[in-house]
Amino acid sequence: MYFAALLARTEDGWEASDTELDDVETLSDLADLAREASPDEDTVLVLIEQEESWFGVVRIDGEEDPRIYVSDAAAAARSSYGELLLTDELLGRDPGDEDDLDALDLDGTEDGEEEEDEDDEKAVDGTGTAEAVPHGPVGDPRILDDLGVGEKELKSLSDDALNEIADALGASEVLETVR
């Protein structure tokens, strides 16, 4: 189960709206959805929580590129909503890093032979051809610094992270209305 909400900062304070991510396929789609929530190009935060196992914050300031923070990349990688946020750039990968030979499945096994460690999270082999998704936080831990949630506080948030963020922003009541 997941929860997603948009918090848009306006001159009257924060406005919240819940949002369905079923039609969102890319980070660009998510950023466009957030920008629609604030026609005045104010700050919009997309808050996503997946079964209390991870949370993500996407910050959109006008037409700038989205800034992202994910509390646990490995947990988020197992979620279709988390995969939206875990871009190559966020994970420190170059988009063109995939070896063409790996794409052709030329790994030394014969046809029909099973590969070992297939169920592992893209475990790094000795050659570094596959990259692991790190356990723990990824992204910009200073994403909310100017809004009153510092890096140390963000990294230490509990299972109720979205409510704690909203409380620090003075938006807990508006977030609660869309929960």
Protein backbone atom coordinates (compact mmCIF):
# COMPACT_ATOMS: atom_id res chain seq x y z
CA MET A 1 0.00 0.00 0.00
CA TYR A 2 1.28 3.44 -0.80
CA PHE A 3 0.33 7.01 -0.08
CA ALA A 4 1.21 9.95 -2.28
CA ALA A 5 0.39 13.60 -1.81
CA LEU A 6 1.32 16.92 -3.32
CA LEU A 7 2.12 19.85 -1.05
CA ALA A 8 2.16 23.14 -2.92
CA ARG A 9 3.45 26.26 -1.20
CA THR A 10 1.31 29.30 -1.91
CA GLU A 11 1.23 32.81 -0.50
CA ASP A 12 -1.54 31.57 1.84
CA GLY A 13 0.53 28.63 3.12
CA TRP A 14 0.66 24.98 2.08
CA GLU A 15 -2.11 23.33 0.07
CA ALA A 16 -2.30 19.56 -0.08
CA SER A 17 -3.87 17.18 -2.54
CA ASP A 18 -3.69 13.43 -2.76
CA THR A 19 -2.59 12.03 -6.04
CA GLU A 20 -2.78 8.76 -7.89
CA LEU A 21 0.47 7.66 -9.47
CA ASP A 22 -1.03 4.93 -11.63
CA ASP A 23 -0.80 7.03 -14.81
CA VAL A 24 2.67 8.37 -13.99
CA GLU A 25 5.34 6.45 -15.87
CA THR A 26 8.45 8.63 -15.57
CA LEU A 27 10.00 11.23 -13.33
CA SER A 28 9.16 13.82 -16.00
CA ASP A 29 5.48 12.84 -15.78
CA LEU A 30 5.64 13.23 -12.00
CA ALA A 31 7.28 16.65 -12.30
CA ASP A 32 4.62 17.77 -14.80
CA LEU A 33 1.87 16.60 -12.43
CA ALA A 34 3.47 18.58 -9.61
CA ARG A 35 3.87 21.71 -11.73
CA GLU A 36 0.15 21.59 -12.57
CA ALA A 37 -0.57 21.85 -8.82
CA SER A 38 1.17 25.24 -8.68
CA PRO A 39 0.42 27.52 -11.61
CA ASP A 40 2.52 30.28 -9.99
CA GLU A 41 5.66 28.13 -10.14
CA ASP A 42 5.89 27.94 -6.36
CA THR A 43 7.60 25.06 -4.59
CA VAL A 44 5.76 21.76 -4.82
CA LEU A 45 6.70 18.68 -2.81
CA VAL A 46 5.62 15.22 -3.86
CA LEU A 47 5.58 12.99 -0.80
CA ILE A 48 5.45 9.23 -1.38
CA GLU A 49 5.33 6.54 1.27
CA GLN A 50 5.33 2.80 0.61
CA GLU A 51 4.03 0.55 3.39
CA GLU A 52 6.18 2.30 5.97
CA SER A 53 9.27 0.67 4.42
CA TRP A 54 10.52 3.76 2.58
CA PHE A 55 9.55 7.30 1.74
CA GLY A 56 10.51 9.70 -0.98
CA VAL A 57 10.42 13.45 -1.42
CA VAL A 58 10.50 15.08 -4.83
CA ARG A 59 10.88 18.85 -4.86
CA ILE A 60 9.94 20.90 -7.88
CA ASP A 61 10.74 24.62 -7.91
CA GLY A 62 9.24 26.12 -11.06
CA GLU A 63 10.90 24.81 -14.19
CA GLU A 64 14.05 23.60 -12.41
CA ASP A 65 14.95 19.91 -12.52
CA PRO A 66 13.32 17.89 -9.74
CA ARG A 67 15.37 17.24 -6.62
CA ILE A 68 14.87 13.83 -5.03
CA TYR A 69 15.47 12.13 -1.71
CA VAL A 70 14.64 8.46 -1.07
CA SER A 71 15.02 7.03 2.44
CA ASP A 72 15.92 3.47 1.39
CA ALA A 73 16.87 2.86 -2.23
CA ALA A 74 16.87 -0.95 -1.97
CA ALA A 75 13.33 -0.99 -0.55
CA ALA A 76 12.17 1.57 -3.12
CA ALA A 77 13.67 -0.48 -5.96
CA ARG A 78 11.15 -3.23 -5.18
CA SER A 79 8.28 -0.80 -5.75
CA SER A 80 7.04 0.50 -9.07
CA TYR A 81 6.60 3.92 -7.46
CA GLY A 82 10.12 3.82 -6.10
CA GLU A 83 11.47 2.95 -9.52
CA LEU A 84 10.10 6.29 -10.76
CA LEU A 85 12.43 8.09 -8.38
CA LEU A 86 15.52 5.90 -8.68
CA THR A 87 17.03 7.39 -11.79
CA ASP A 88 20.48 6.46 -13.08
CA GLU A 89 21.70 9.89 -12.03
CA LEU A 90 20.36 9.45 -8.49
CA LEU A 91 22.06 6.07 -8.19
CA GLY A 92 25.33 7.43 -9.58
CA ARG A 93 25.14 5.48 -12.82
CA ASP A 94 25.83 6.71 -16.31
CA PRO A 95 22.85 5.92 -18.54
CA GLY A 96 25.14 4.39 -21.17
CA ASP A 97 27.01 2.18 -18.69
CA GLU A 98 25.23 -1.03 -19.62
CA ASP A 99 27.58 -3.29 -21.51
CA ASP A 100 26.16 -4.30 -24.89
CA LEU A 101 27.45 -7.84 -24.34
CA ASP A 102 25.41 -8.10 -21.12
CA ALA A 103 22.32 -7.03 -23.04
CA LEU A 104 22.93 -9.94 -25.42
CA ASP A 105 23.15 -12.35 -22.44
CA LEU A 106 26.62 -13.54 -23.33
CA ASP A 107 27.54 -14.45 -19.78
CA GLY A 108 29.34 -17.75 -20.35
CA THR A 109 26.34 -20.01 -19.72
CA GLU A 110 24.97 -22.39 -22.28
CA ASP A 111 21.40 -22.01 -23.53
CA GLY A 112 19.03 -23.44 -20.95
CA GLU A 113 21.63 -23.27 -18.18
CA GLU A 114 20.53 -21.28 -15.14
CA GLU A 115 22.55 -18.31 -13.98
CA GLU A 116 23.53 -18.10 -10.33
CA ASP A 117 22.44 -15.22 -8.12
CA GLU A 118 19.63 -14.31 -10.52
CA ASP A 119 17.41 -13.34 -7.59
CA ASP A 120 19.98 -11.02 -6.01
CA GLU A 121 19.52 -7.27 -6.39
CA LYS A 122 21.85 -6.84 -9.37
CA ALA A 123 24.80 -7.96 -7.30
CA VAL A 124 28.10 -6.49 -8.39
CA ASP A 125 30.32 -9.14 -9.83
CA GLY A 126 34.09 -8.86 -9.89
CA THR A 127 34.02 -7.01 -13.20
CA GLY A 128 31.57 -4.36 -12.04
CA THR A 129 29.21 -5.04 -14.95
CA ALA A 130 26.11 -4.96 -12.76
CA GLU A 131 25.49 -2.28 -10.18
CA ALA A 132 23.77 -2.78 -6.84
CA VAL A 133 21.04 -0.56 -5.53
CA PRO A 134 22.34 0.71 -2.19
CA HIS A 135 20.59 0.04 1.07
CA GLY A 136 19.85 3.31 2.80
CA PRO A 137 19.19 6.84 1.65
CA VAL A 138 20.03 8.27 -1.78
CA GLY A 139 19.50 11.66 -3.32
CA ASP A 140 19.70 15.16 -1.94
CA PRO A 141 19.57 15.03 1.88
CA ARG A 142 19.46 18.84 1.98
CA ILE A 143 16.29 18.97 -0.13
CA LEU A 144 14.26 20.53 2.70
CA ASP A 145 16.97 22.57 4.48
CA ASP A 146 15.44 25.93 3.60
CA LEU A 147 12.02 24.68 4.72
CA GLY A 148 13.14 23.73 8.22
CA VAL A 149 14.02 20.05 7.85
CA GLY A 150 17.78 19.62 7.91
CA GLU A 151 19.83 16.73 6.58
CA LYS A 152 20.34 15.11 9.99
CA GLU A 153 16.64 15.33 10.80
CA LEU A 154 15.60 13.98 7.38
CA LYS A 155 17.91 10.97 7.69
CA SER A 156 16.60 10.15 11.17
CA LEU A 157 12.87 10.22 10.41
CA SER A 158 10.75 7.35 11.69
CA ASP A 159 8.02 5.24 10.11
CA ASP A 160 5.76 8.29 10.25
CA ALA A 161 8.14 10.37 8.12
CA LEU A 162 5.60 12.17 5.93
CA ASN A 163 3.66 13.41 8.95
CA GLU A 164 6.90 14.51 10.61
CA ILE A 165 7.92 16.43 7.48
CA ALA A 166 4.49 18.04 7.20
CA ASP A 167 4.61 18.97 10.89
CA ALA A 168 8.00 20.66 10.44
CA LEU A 169 6.64 22.57 7.43
CA GLY A 170 3.52 23.66 9.32
CA ALA A 171 1.40 21.61 6.91
CA SER A 172 0.32 18.67 9.06
CA GLU A 173 -3.35 19.69 9.11
CA VAL A 174 -3.59 20.04 5.33
CA LEU A 175 -1.76 16.75 4.79
CA GLU A 176 -4.08 15.01 7.24
CA THR A 177 -7.11 16.14 5.21
CA VAL A 178 -5.92 14.14 2.19
CA ARG A 179 -4.80 11.00 4.06
